[in-house]
Amino acid sequence: VRAWQQERLDMLTADIFGFNALQIG
């Protein structure tokens, strides 16, 4: 599960821009 989620998260977050990002938990 962790490997699949890490791959998708890398893909989704790479092109989100701004100044402040937060991971909760």
mmCIF file of all heavy atoms, coordinates in Angstrom:
data_MODEL
# 
_entry.id   MODEL 
# 
loop_
_atom_site.group_PDB 
_atom_site.id 
_atom_site.type_symbol 
_atom_site.label_atom_id 
_atom_site.label_alt_id 
_atom_site.label_comp_id 
_atom_site.label_asym_id 
_atom_site.label_entity_id 
_atom_site.label_seq_id 
_atom_site.pdbx_PDB_ins_code 
_atom_site.Cartn_x 
_atom_site.Cartn_y 
_atom_site.Cartn_z 
_atom_site.occupancy 
_atom_site.B_iso_or_equiv 
_atom_site.pdbx_formal_charge 
_atom_site.auth_seq_id 
_atom_site.auth_comp_id 
_atom_site.auth_asym_id 
_atom_site.auth_atom_id 
_atom_site.pdbx_PDB_model_num 
ATOM 1   N N   . VAL A 1 1  ? 0.835  -1.207 0.000   1.00 0.00 ? 1  VAL A N   1 
ATOM 2   C CA  . VAL A 1 1  ? 0.000  0.000  0.000   1.00 0.00 ? 1  VAL A CA  1 
ATOM 3   C C   . VAL A 1 1  ? 0.863  1.248  0.000   1.00 0.00 ? 1  VAL A C   1 
ATOM 4   O O   . VAL A 1 1  ? 0.607  2.212  -0.750  1.00 0.00 ? 1  VAL A O   1 
ATOM 5   C CB  . VAL A 1 1  ? -0.937 -0.005 1.228   1.00 0.00 ? 1  VAL A CB  1 
ATOM 6   C CG1 . VAL A 1 1  ? -1.653 1.335  1.368   1.00 0.00 ? 1  VAL A CG1 1 
ATOM 7   C CG2 . VAL A 1 1  ? -1.955 -1.130 1.115   1.00 0.00 ? 1  VAL A CG2 1 
ATOM 8   N N   . ARG A 1 2  ? 1.901  1.247  0.814   1.00 0.00 ? 2  ARG A N   1 
ATOM 9   C CA  . ARG A 1 2  ? 2.757  2.429  0.931   1.00 0.00 ? 2  ARG A CA  1 
ATOM 10  C C   . ARG A 1 2  ? 3.452  2.749  -0.391  1.00 0.00 ? 2  ARG A C   1 
ATOM 11  O O   . ARG A 1 2  ? 3.568  3.924  -0.775  1.00 0.00 ? 2  ARG A O   1 
ATOM 12  C CB  . ARG A 1 2  ? 3.782  2.215  2.041   1.00 0.00 ? 2  ARG A CB  1 
ATOM 13  C CG  . ARG A 1 2  ? 4.462  3.490  2.491   1.00 0.00 ? 2  ARG A CG  1 
ATOM 14  C CD  . ARG A 1 2  ? 5.305  3.269  3.722   1.00 0.00 ? 2  ARG A CD  1 
ATOM 15  N NE  . ARG A 1 2  ? 6.449  2.418  3.464   1.00 0.00 ? 2  ARG A NE  1 
ATOM 16  C CZ  . ARG A 1 2  ? 6.605  1.203  3.959   1.00 0.00 ? 2  ARG A CZ  1 
ATOM 17  N NH1 . ARG A 1 2  ? 5.664  0.679  4.730   1.00 0.00 ? 2  ARG A NH1 1 
ATOM 18  N NH2 . ARG A 1 2  ? 7.669  0.475  3.682   1.00 0.00 ? 2  ARG A NH2 1 
ATOM 19  N N   . ALA A 1 3  ? 3.900  1.729  -1.108  1.00 0.00 ? 3  ALA A N   1 
ATOM 20  C CA  . ALA A 1 3  ? 4.574  1.956  -2.392  1.00 0.00 ? 3  ALA A CA  1 
ATOM 21  C C   . ALA A 1 3  ? 3.612  2.559  -3.410  1.00 0.00 ? 3  ALA A C   1 
ATOM 22  O O   . ALA A 1 3  ? 3.980  3.480  -4.159  1.00 0.00 ? 3  ALA A O   1 
ATOM 23  C CB  . ALA A 1 3  ? 5.151  0.640  -2.911  1.00 0.00 ? 3  ALA A CB  1 
ATOM 24  N N   . TRP A 1 4  ? 2.379  2.047  -3.464  1.00 0.00 ? 4  TRP A N   1 
ATOM 25  C CA  . TRP A 1 4  ? 1.398  2.600  -4.416  1.00 0.00 ? 4  TRP A CA  1 
ATOM 26  C C   . TRP A 1 4  ? 1.060  4.051  -4.067  1.00 0.00 ? 4  TRP A C   1 
ATOM 27  O O   . TRP A 1 4  ? 1.004  4.914  -4.944  1.00 0.00 ? 4  TRP A O   1 
ATOM 28  C CB  . TRP A 1 4  ? 0.118  1.756  -4.405  1.00 0.00 ? 4  TRP A CB  1 
ATOM 29  C CG  . TRP A 1 4  ? -0.903 2.264  -5.370  1.00 0.00 ? 4  TRP A CG  1 
ATOM 30  C CD1 . TRP A 1 4  ? -0.993 1.955  -6.706  1.00 0.00 ? 4  TRP A CD1 1 
ATOM 31  C CD2 . TRP A 1 4  ? -1.966 3.188  -5.088  1.00 0.00 ? 4  TRP A CD2 1 
ATOM 32  N NE1 . TRP A 1 4  ? -2.056 2.638  -7.266  1.00 0.00 ? 4  TRP A NE1 1 
ATOM 33  C CE2 . TRP A 1 4  ? -2.657 3.393  -6.309  1.00 0.00 ? 4  TRP A CE2 1 
ATOM 34  C CE3 . TRP A 1 4  ? -2.391 3.852  -3.945  1.00 0.00 ? 4  TRP A CE3 1 
ATOM 35  C CZ2 . TRP A 1 4  ? -3.767 4.247  -6.396  1.00 0.00 ? 4  TRP A CZ2 1 
ATOM 36  C CZ3 . TRP A 1 4  ? -3.479 4.706  -4.030  1.00 0.00 ? 4  TRP A CZ3 1 
ATOM 37  C CH2 . TRP A 1 4  ? -4.160 4.889  -5.237  1.00 0.00 ? 4  TRP A CH2 1 
ATOM 38  N N   . GLN A 1 5  ? 0.852  4.324  -2.793  1.00 0.00 ? 5  GLN A N   1 
ATOM 39  C CA  . GLN A 1 5  ? 0.500  5.682  -2.392  1.00 0.00 ? 5  GLN A CA  1 
ATOM 40  C C   . GLN A 1 5  ? 1.645  6.649  -2.640  1.00 0.00 ? 5  GLN A C   1 
ATOM 41  O O   . GLN A 1 5  ? 1.422  7.784  -3.071  1.00 0.00 ? 5  GLN A O   1 
ATOM 42  C CB  . GLN A 1 5  ? 0.092  5.691  -0.921  1.00 0.00 ? 5  GLN A CB  1 
ATOM 43  C CG  . GLN A 1 5  ? -1.253 5.024  -0.665  1.00 0.00 ? 5  GLN A CG  1 
ATOM 44  C CD  . GLN A 1 5  ? -1.695 5.159  0.781   1.00 0.00 ? 5  GLN A CD  1 
ATOM 45  O OE1 . GLN A 1 5  ? -0.861 5.304  1.674   1.00 0.00 ? 5  GLN A OE1 1 
ATOM 46  N NE2 . GLN A 1 5  ? -2.976 5.096  1.015   1.00 0.00 ? 5  GLN A NE2 1 
ATOM 47  N N   . GLN A 1 6  ? 2.871  6.231  -2.364  1.00 0.00 ? 6  GLN A N   1 
ATOM 48  C CA  . GLN A 1 6  ? 4.005  7.129  -2.575  1.00 0.00 ? 6  GLN A CA  1 
ATOM 49  C C   . GLN A 1 6  ? 4.141  7.500  -4.036  1.00 0.00 ? 6  GLN A C   1 
ATOM 50  O O   . GLN A 1 6  ? 4.412  8.672  -4.377  1.00 0.00 ? 6  GLN A O   1 
ATOM 51  C CB  . GLN A 1 6  ? 5.284  6.455  -2.078  1.00 0.00 ? 6  GLN A CB  1 
ATOM 52  C CG  . GLN A 1 6  ? 6.487  7.389  -2.050  1.00 0.00 ? 6  GLN A CG  1 
ATOM 53  C CD  . GLN A 1 6  ? 6.347  8.472  -1.003  1.00 0.00 ? 6  GLN A CD  1 
ATOM 54  O OE1 . GLN A 1 6  ? 6.335  8.194  0.190   1.00 0.00 ? 6  GLN A OE1 1 
ATOM 55  N NE2 . GLN A 1 6  ? 6.260  9.724  -1.435  1.00 0.00 ? 6  GLN A NE2 1 
ATOM 56  N N   . GLU A 1 7  ? 3.948  6.541  -4.913  1.00 0.00 ? 7  GLU A N   1 
ATOM 57  C CA  . GLU A 1 7  ? 4.041  6.823  -6.349  1.00 0.00 ? 7  GLU A CA  1 
ATOM 58  C C   . GLU A 1 7  ? 2.975  7.824  -6.785  1.00 0.00 ? 7  GLU A C   1 
ATOM 59  O O   . GLU A 1 7  ? 3.251  8.771  -7.532  1.00 0.00 ? 7  GLU A O   1 
ATOM 60  C CB  . GLU A 1 7  ? 3.895  5.524  -7.139  1.00 0.00 ? 7  GLU A CB  1 
ATOM 61  C CG  . GLU A 1 7  ? 3.978  5.712  -8.653  1.00 0.00 ? 7  GLU A CG  1 
ATOM 62  C CD  . GLU A 1 7  ? 3.755  4.413  -9.405  1.00 0.00 ? 7  GLU A CD  1 
ATOM 63  O OE1 . GLU A 1 7  ? 3.603  3.349  -8.760  1.00 0.00 ? 7  GLU A OE1 1 
ATOM 64  O OE2 . GLU A 1 7  ? 3.719  4.464  -10.660 1.00 0.00 ? 7  GLU A OE2 1 
ATOM 65  N N   . ARG A 1 8  ? 1.723  7.636  -6.329  1.00 0.00 ? 8  ARG A N   1 
ATOM 66  C CA  . ARG A 1 8  ? 0.644  8.545  -6.724  1.00 0.00 ? 8  ARG A CA  1 
ATOM 67  C C   . ARG A 1 8  ? 0.819  9.924  -6.100  1.00 0.00 ? 8  ARG A C   1 
ATOM 68  O O   . ARG A 1 8  ? 0.552  10.938 -6.733  1.00 0.00 ? 8  ARG A O   1 
ATOM 69  C CB  . ARG A 1 8  ? -0.717 7.966  -6.315  1.00 0.00 ? 8  ARG A CB  1 
ATOM 70  C CG  . ARG A 1 8  ? -1.113 6.712  -7.078  1.00 0.00 ? 8  ARG A CG  1 
ATOM 71  C CD  . ARG A 1 8  ? -1.182 6.960  -8.584  1.00 0.00 ? 8  ARG A CD  1 
ATOM 72  N NE  . ARG A 1 8  ? -1.560 5.778  -9.334  1.00 0.00 ? 8  ARG A NE  1 
ATOM 73  C CZ  . ARG A 1 8  ? -0.731 4.820  -9.698  1.00 0.00 ? 8  ARG A CZ  1 
ATOM 74  N NH1 . ARG A 1 8  ? 0.549  4.902  -9.342  1.00 0.00 ? 8  ARG A NH1 1 
ATOM 75  N NH2 . ARG A 1 8  ? -1.139 3.794  -10.415 1.00 0.00 ? 8  ARG A NH2 1 
ATOM 76  N N   . LEU A 1 9  ? 1.248  9.980  -4.858  1.00 0.00 ? 9  LEU A N   1 
ATOM 77  C CA  . LEU A 1 9  ? 1.458  11.266 -4.198  1.00 0.00 ? 9  LEU A CA  1 
ATOM 78  C C   . LEU A 1 9  ? 2.563  12.057 -4.880  1.00 0.00 ? 9  LEU A C   1 
ATOM 79  O O   . LEU A 1 9  ? 2.454  13.282 -5.043  1.00 0.00 ? 9  LEU A O   1 
ATOM 80  C CB  . LEU A 1 9  ? 1.783  11.054 -2.720  1.00 0.00 ? 9  LEU A CB  1 
ATOM 81  C CG  . LEU A 1 9  ? 0.611  10.646 -1.831  1.00 0.00 ? 9  LEU A CG  1 
ATOM 82  C CD1 . LEU A 1 9  ? 1.102  10.191 -0.467  1.00 0.00 ? 9  LEU A CD1 1 
ATOM 83  C CD2 . LEU A 1 9  ? -0.384 11.795 -1.681  1.00 0.00 ? 9  LEU A CD2 1 
ATOM 84  N N   . ASP A 1 10 ? 3.626  11.387 -5.284  1.00 0.00 ? 10 ASP A N   1 
ATOM 85  C CA  . ASP A 1 10 ? 4.692  12.076 -6.011  1.00 0.00 ? 10 ASP A CA  1 
ATOM 86  C C   . ASP A 1 10 ? 4.157  12.676 -7.305  1.00 0.00 ? 10 ASP A C   1 
ATOM 87  O O   . ASP A 1 10 ? 4.513  13.801 -7.682  1.00 0.00 ? 10 ASP A O   1 
ATOM 88  C CB  . ASP A 1 10 ? 5.834  11.106 -6.315  1.00 0.00 ? 10 ASP A CB  1 
ATOM 89  C CG  . ASP A 1 10 ? 6.623  10.728 -5.065  1.00 0.00 ? 10 ASP A CG  1 
ATOM 90  O OD1 . ASP A 1 10 ? 6.453  11.394 -4.029  1.00 0.00 ? 10 ASP A OD1 1 
ATOM 91  O OD2 . ASP A 1 10 ? 7.405  9.761  -5.132  1.00 0.00 ? 10 ASP A OD2 1 
ATOM 92  N N   . MET A 1 11 ? 3.298  11.933 -7.980  1.00 0.00 ? 11 MET A N   1 
ATOM 93  C CA  . MET A 1 11 ? 2.734  12.405 -9.242  1.00 0.00 ? 11 MET A CA  1 
ATOM 94  C C   . MET A 1 11 ? 1.795  13.593 -9.033  1.00 0.00 ? 11 MET A C   1 
ATOM 95  O O   . MET A 1 11 ? 1.834  14.582 -9.770  1.00 0.00 ? 11 MET A O   1 
ATOM 96  C CB  . MET A 1 11 ? 1.984  11.265 -9.937  1.00 0.00 ? 11 MET A CB  1 
ATOM 97  C CG  . MET A 1 11 ? 1.340  11.663 -11.262 1.00 0.00 ? 11 MET A CG  1 
ATOM 98  S SD  . MET A 1 11 ? 0.312  10.327 -11.927 1.00 0.00 ? 11 MET A SD  1 
ATOM 99  C CE  . MET A 1 11 ? -1.019 10.318 -10.730 1.00 0.00 ? 11 MET A CE  1 
ATOM 100 N N   . LEU A 1 12 ? 0.945  13.527 -7.994  1.00 0.00 ? 12 LEU A N   1 
ATOM 101 C CA  . LEU A 1 12 ? -0.054 14.567 -7.779  1.00 0.00 ? 12 LEU A CA  1 
ATOM 102 C C   . LEU A 1 12 ? 0.539  15.853 -7.214  1.00 0.00 ? 12 LEU A C   1 
ATOM 103 O O   . LEU A 1 12 ? 0.110  16.952 -7.569  1.00 0.00 ? 12 LEU A O   1 
ATOM 104 C CB  . LEU A 1 12 ? -1.147 14.055 -6.834  1.00 0.00 ? 12 LEU A CB  1 
ATOM 105 C CG  . LEU A 1 12 ? -2.071 12.959 -7.371  1.00 0.00 ? 12 LEU A CG  1 
ATOM 106 C CD1 . LEU A 1 12 ? -3.034 12.507 -6.294  1.00 0.00 ? 12 LEU A CD1 1 
ATOM 107 C CD2 . LEU A 1 12 ? -2.836 13.440 -8.594  1.00 0.00 ? 12 LEU A CD2 1 
ATOM 108 N N   . THR A 1 13 ? 1.496  15.737 -6.320  1.00 0.00 ? 13 THR A N   1 
ATOM 109 C CA  . THR A 1 13 ? 2.011  16.927 -5.635  1.00 0.00 ? 13 THR A CA  1 
ATOM 110 C C   . THR A 1 13 ? 3.117  17.642 -6.399  1.00 0.00 ? 13 THR A C   1 
ATOM 111 O O   . THR A 1 13 ? 3.437  18.788 -6.076  1.00 0.00 ? 13 THR A O   1 
ATOM 112 C CB  . THR A 1 13 ? 2.542  16.553 -4.244  1.00 0.00 ? 13 THR A CB  1 
ATOM 113 O OG1 . THR A 1 13 ? 3.624  15.603 -4.378  1.00 0.00 ? 13 THR A OG1 1 
ATOM 114 C CG2 . THR A 1 13 ? 1.435  15.953 -3.387  1.00 0.00 ? 13 THR A CG2 1 
ATOM 115 N N   . ALA A 1 14 ? 3.690  17.005 -7.402  1.00 0.00 ? 14 ALA A N   1 
ATOM 116 C CA  . ALA A 1 14 ? 4.824  17.614 -8.104  1.00 0.00 ? 14 ALA A CA  1 
ATOM 117 C C   . ALA A 1 14 ? 4.440  18.921 -8.783  1.00 0.00 ? 14 ALA A C   1 
ATOM 118 O O   . ALA A 1 14 ? 5.261  19.845 -8.868  1.00 0.00 ? 14 ALA A O   1 
ATOM 119 C CB  . ALA A 1 14 ? 5.395  16.630 -9.124  1.00 0.00 ? 14 ALA A CB  1 
ATOM 120 N N   . ASP A 1 15 ? 3.216  19.026 -9.284  1.00 0.00 ? 15 ASP A N   1 
ATOM 121 C CA  . ASP A 1 15 ? 2.806  20.200 -10.049 1.00 0.00 ? 15 ASP A CA  1 
ATOM 122 C C   . ASP A 1 15 ? 1.848  21.106 -9.287  1.00 0.00 ? 15 ASP A C   1 
ATOM 123 O O   . ASP A 1 15 ? 1.114  21.887 -9.889  1.00 0.00 ? 15 ASP A O   1 
ATOM 124 C CB  . ASP A 1 15 ? 2.153  19.757 -11.363 1.00 0.00 ? 15 ASP A CB  1 
ATOM 125 C CG  . ASP A 1 15 ? 3.137  19.036 -12.281 1.00 0.00 ? 15 ASP A CG  1 
ATOM 126 O OD1 . ASP A 1 15 ? 4.333  19.388 -12.246 1.00 0.00 ? 15 ASP A OD1 1 
ATOM 127 O OD2 . ASP A 1 15 ? 2.717  18.126 -13.007 1.00 0.00 ? 15 ASP A OD2 1 
ATOM 128 N N   . ILE A 1 16 ? 1.828  21.013 -7.967  1.00 0.00 ? 16 ILE A N   1 
ATOM 129 C CA  . ILE A 1 16 ? 1.029  21.922 -7.142  1.00 0.00 ? 16 ILE A CA  1 
ATOM 130 C C   . ILE A 1 16 ? 1.975  22.973 -6.564  1.00 0.00 ? 16 ILE A C   1 
ATOM 131 O O   . ILE A 1 16 ? 2.923  22.636 -5.861  1.00 0.00 ? 16 ILE A O   1 
ATOM 132 C CB  . ILE A 1 16 ? 0.303  21.173 -6.012  1.00 0.00 ? 16 ILE A CB  1 
ATOM 133 C CG1 . ILE A 1 16 ? -0.648 20.113 -6.596  1.00 0.00 ? 16 ILE A CG1 1 
ATOM 134 C CG2 . ILE A 1 16 ? -0.487 22.141 -5.143  1.00 0.00 ? 16 ILE A CG2 1 
ATOM 135 C CD1 . ILE A 1 16 ? -1.359 19.281 -5.548  1.00 0.00 ? 16 ILE A CD1 1 
ATOM 136 N N   . PHE A 1 17 ? 1.706  24.232 -6.890  1.00 0.00 ? 17 PHE A N   1 
ATOM 137 C CA  . PHE A 1 17 ? 2.629  25.292 -6.512  1.00 0.00 ? 17 PHE A CA  1 
ATOM 138 C C   . PHE A 1 17 ? 2.023  26.184 -5.436  1.00 0.00 ? 17 PHE A C   1 
ATOM 139 O O   . PHE A 1 17 ? 0.814  26.222 -5.234  1.00 0.00 ? 17 PHE A O   1 
ATOM 140 C CB  . PHE A 1 17 ? 2.994  26.121 -7.751  1.00 0.00 ? 17 PHE A CB  1 
ATOM 141 C CG  . PHE A 1 17 ? 3.643  25.305 -8.835  1.00 0.00 ? 17 PHE A CG  1 
ATOM 142 C CD1 . PHE A 1 17 ? 2.906  24.862 -9.922  1.00 0.00 ? 17 PHE A CD1 1 
ATOM 143 C CD2 . PHE A 1 17 ? 4.974  24.963 -8.752  1.00 0.00 ? 17 PHE A CD2 1 
ATOM 144 C CE1 . PHE A 1 17 ? 3.499  24.102 -10.918 1.00 0.00 ? 17 PHE A CE1 1 
ATOM 145 C CE2 . PHE A 1 17 ? 5.579  24.204 -9.742  1.00 0.00 ? 17 PHE A CE2 1 
ATOM 146 C CZ  . PHE A 1 17 ? 4.840  23.774 -10.829 1.00 0.00 ? 17 PHE A CZ  1 
ATOM 147 N N   . GLY A 1 18 ? 2.871  26.913 -4.752  1.00 0.00 ? 18 GLY A N   1 
ATOM 148 C CA  . GLY A 1 18 ? 2.458  27.807 -3.689  1.00 0.00 ? 18 GLY A CA  1 
ATOM 149 C C   . GLY A 1 18 ? 3.619  28.028 -2.742  1.00 0.00 ? 18 GLY A C   1 
ATOM 150 O O   . GLY A 1 18 ? 4.796  27.947 -3.142  1.00 0.00 ? 18 GLY A O   1 
ATOM 151 N N   . PHE A 1 19 ? 3.309  28.295 -1.475  1.00 0.00 ? 19 PHE A N   1 
ATOM 152 C CA  . PHE A 1 19 ? 4.350  28.584 -0.495  1.00 0.00 ? 19 PHE A CA  1 
ATOM 153 C C   . PHE A 1 19 ? 4.336  27.627 0.692   1.00 0.00 ? 19 PHE A C   1 
ATOM 154 O O   . PHE A 1 19 ? 5.398  27.295 1.223   1.00 0.00 ? 19 PHE A O   1 
ATOM 155 C CB  . PHE A 1 19 ? 4.193  30.024 0.015   1.00 0.00 ? 19 PHE A CB  1 
ATOM 156 C CG  . PHE A 1 19 ? 4.380  31.063 -1.059  1.00 0.00 ? 19 PHE A CG  1 
ATOM 157 C CD1 . PHE A 1 19 ? 3.288  31.600 -1.720  1.00 0.00 ? 19 PHE A CD1 1 
ATOM 158 C CD2 . PHE A 1 19 ? 5.652  31.488 -1.422  1.00 0.00 ? 19 PHE A CD2 1 
ATOM 159 C CE1 . PHE A 1 19 ? 3.454  32.556 -2.708  1.00 0.00 ? 19 PHE A CE1 1 
ATOM 160 C CE2 . PHE A 1 19 ? 5.832  32.436 -2.414  1.00 0.00 ? 19 PHE A CE2 1 
ATOM 161 C CZ  . PHE A 1 19 ? 4.732  32.970 -3.063  1.00 0.00 ? 19 PHE A CZ  1 
ATOM 162 N N   . ASN A 1 20 ? 3.146  27.182 1.121   1.00 0.00 ? 20 ASN A N   1 
ATOM 163 C CA  . ASN A 1 20 ? 3.031  26.414 2.358   1.00 0.00 ? 20 ASN A CA  1 
ATOM 164 C C   . ASN A 1 20 ? 2.270  25.116 2.118   1.00 0.00 ? 20 ASN A C   1 
ATOM 165 O O   . ASN A 1 20 ? 1.125  25.141 1.661   1.00 0.00 ? 20 ASN A O   1 
ATOM 166 C CB  . ASN A 1 20 ? 2.310  27.244 3.426   1.00 0.00 ? 20 ASN A CB  1 
ATOM 167 C CG  . ASN A 1 20 ? 3.003  28.568 3.682   1.00 0.00 ? 20 ASN A CG  1 
ATOM 168 O OD1 . ASN A 1 20 ? 4.209  28.619 3.908   1.00 0.00 ? 20 ASN A OD1 1 
ATOM 169 N ND2 . ASN A 1 20 ? 2.243  29.654 3.640   1.00 0.00 ? 20 ASN A ND2 1 
ATOM 170 N N   . ALA A 1 21 ? 2.895  23.990 2.441   1.00 0.00 ? 21 ALA A N   1 
ATOM 171 C CA  . ALA A 1 21 ? 2.275  22.672 2.293   1.00 0.00 ? 21 ALA A CA  1 
ATOM 172 C C   . ALA A 1 21 ? 2.354  21.933 3.615   1.00 0.00 ? 21 ALA A C   1 
ATOM 173 O O   . ALA A 1 21 ? 3.338  22.060 4.364   1.00 0.00 ? 21 ALA A O   1 
ATOM 174 C CB  . ALA A 1 21 ? 2.959  21.867 1.191   1.00 0.00 ? 21 ALA A CB  1 
ATOM 175 N N   . LEU A 1 22 ? 1.325  21.141 3.896   1.00 0.00 ? 22 LEU A N   1 
ATOM 176 C CA  . LEU A 1 22 ? 1.227  20.447 5.185   1.00 0.00 ? 22 LEU A CA  1 
ATOM 177 C C   . LEU A 1 22 ? 0.776  19.014 4.989   1.00 0.00 ? 22 LEU A C   1 
ATOM 178 O O   . LEU A 1 22 ? -0.184 18.753 4.262   1.00 0.00 ? 22 LEU A O   1 
ATOM 179 C CB  . LEU A 1 22 ? 0.228  21.180 6.097   1.00 0.00 ? 22 LEU A CB  1 
ATOM 180 C CG  . LEU A 1 22 ? -0.126 20.509 7.427   1.00 0.00 ? 22 LEU A CG  1 
ATOM 181 C CD1 . LEU A 1 22 ? 1.088  20.500 8.353   1.00 0.00 ? 22 LEU A CD1 1 
ATOM 182 C CD2 . LEU A 1 22 ? -1.295 21.226 8.088   1.00 0.00 ? 22 LEU A CD2 1 
ATOM 183 N N   . GLN A 1 23 ? 1.484  18.074 5.635   1.00 0.00 ? 23 GLN A N   1 
ATOM 184 C CA  . GLN A 1 23 ? 1.029  16.692 5.749   1.00 0.00 ? 23 GLN A CA  1 
ATOM 185 C C   . GLN A 1 23 ? 0.578  16.459 7.176   1.00 0.00 ? 23 GLN A C   1 
ATOM 186 O O   . GLN A 1 23 ? 1.313  16.737 8.129   1.00 0.00 ? 23 GLN A O   1 
ATOM 187 C CB  . GLN A 1 23 ? 2.140  15.703 5.399   1.00 0.00 ? 23 GLN A CB  1 
ATOM 188 C CG  . GLN A 1 23 ? 1.753  14.241 5.640   1.00 0.00 ? 23 GLN A CG  1 
ATOM 189 C CD  . GLN A 1 23 ? 2.876  13.270 5.382   1.00 0.00 ? 23 GLN A CD  1 
ATOM 190 O OE1 . GLN A 1 23 ? 3.854  13.597 4.707   1.00 0.00 ? 23 GLN A OE1 1 
ATOM 191 N NE2 . GLN A 1 23 ? 2.774  12.065 5.929   1.00 0.00 ? 23 GLN A NE2 1 
ATOM 192 N N   . ILE A 1 24 ? -0.642 15.951 7.338   1.00 0.00 ? 24 ILE A N   1 
ATOM 193 C CA  . ILE A 1 24 ? -1.192 15.695 8.663   1.00 0.00 ? 24 ILE A CA  1 
ATOM 194 C C   . ILE A 1 24 ? -1.155 14.193 8.930   1.00 0.00 ? 24 ILE A C   1 
ATOM 195 O O   . ILE A 1 24 ? -1.846 13.417 8.273   1.00 0.00 ? 24 ILE A O   1 
ATOM 196 C CB  . ILE A 1 24 ? -2.628 16.220 8.778   1.00 0.00 ? 24 ILE A CB  1 
ATOM 197 C CG1 . ILE A 1 24 ? -2.663 17.731 8.544   1.00 0.00 ? 24 ILE A CG1 1 
ATOM 198 C CG2 . ILE A 1 24 ? -3.224 15.891 10.138  1.00 0.00 ? 24 ILE A CG2 1 
ATOM 199 C CD1 . ILE A 1 24 ? -4.052 18.322 8.581   1.00 0.00 ? 24 ILE A CD1 1 
ATOM 200 N N   . GLY A 1 25 ? -0.363 13.781 9.896   1.00 0.00 ? 25 GLY A N   1 
ATOM 201 C CA  . GLY A 1 25 ? -0.346 12.396 10.328  1.00 0.00 ? 25 GLY A CA  1 
ATOM 202 C C   . GLY A 1 25 ? 0.439  11.459 9.432   1.00 0.00 ? 25 GLY A C   1 
ATOM 203 O O   . GLY A 1 25 ? 0.883  11.800 8.328   1.00 0.00 ? 25 GLY A O   1 
# 
